[in-house]
């Protein structure tokens, strides 16, 4: 049931939730490979991860690059996708369609490309864990693109769980978590978001990347889970 001696590939694994997943898997004895679009992020992650972890530069939207990446990695057990730029938080009137397309290109079509090219290298008993968010269940003004993405990722997960069986496919749905994804907000606005979120949540505090990483680790270990959406939001969808 553990991850000892298994190989875990985390695309988007150099910061935030992805890095926390890589750290958690490594602590359980997994051989970890992380990928990110920027070399400096890869270098920084490898300074944090245990010796033996590997990192590669990868643009998830580049199909040829993704194909080459998995050819180099070889066989592995679990694929995690957490890649994504800063959240697009604008009203419909403010949002440029080009910006919306770019946002979806990485988070939706990037995930699709990575699964398409990587699933053939997943060993028996392996899994895919994708990432969505609670905006699909509890949309707020300015979250139309993010909400659309979340709904798409949940539907994609269920479809892939059926099509790719016996490879298990699940998705984690974080709430507000203290990561760089909120960096597009002014600092004062961002800190107020964290403060107000912590006060409103039943758990009484902000979520941290390590909190959410536990869900990914569970889904990799849990051989009887597929097509599942695991919400980790401190109870945010309840209030």
Foldseek 3Di string as FASTA:
>chain_A
DAQAAFEEEEEQLLWFLNVLLQQVNVVRHYAYEYEEQDPVSQVNSVVVHDPRHYYDYDQLLDLVRLLVVQVVVAAGAEYEYDDFAAAQFAAPVPDDVVVLCVRCSCQPVSVVSNCVNNVVRHDPLGEYEHEAACCLVPPDGRCPSSNVSRVNVLVVQLVCCVVSPPHAGEYEYEYAEPTCSNVVDPPVVVVVVQVVLLCPAPQNHHHGSNQRSVVVSCVRPPSVDHSYYHYHYSRVSVD
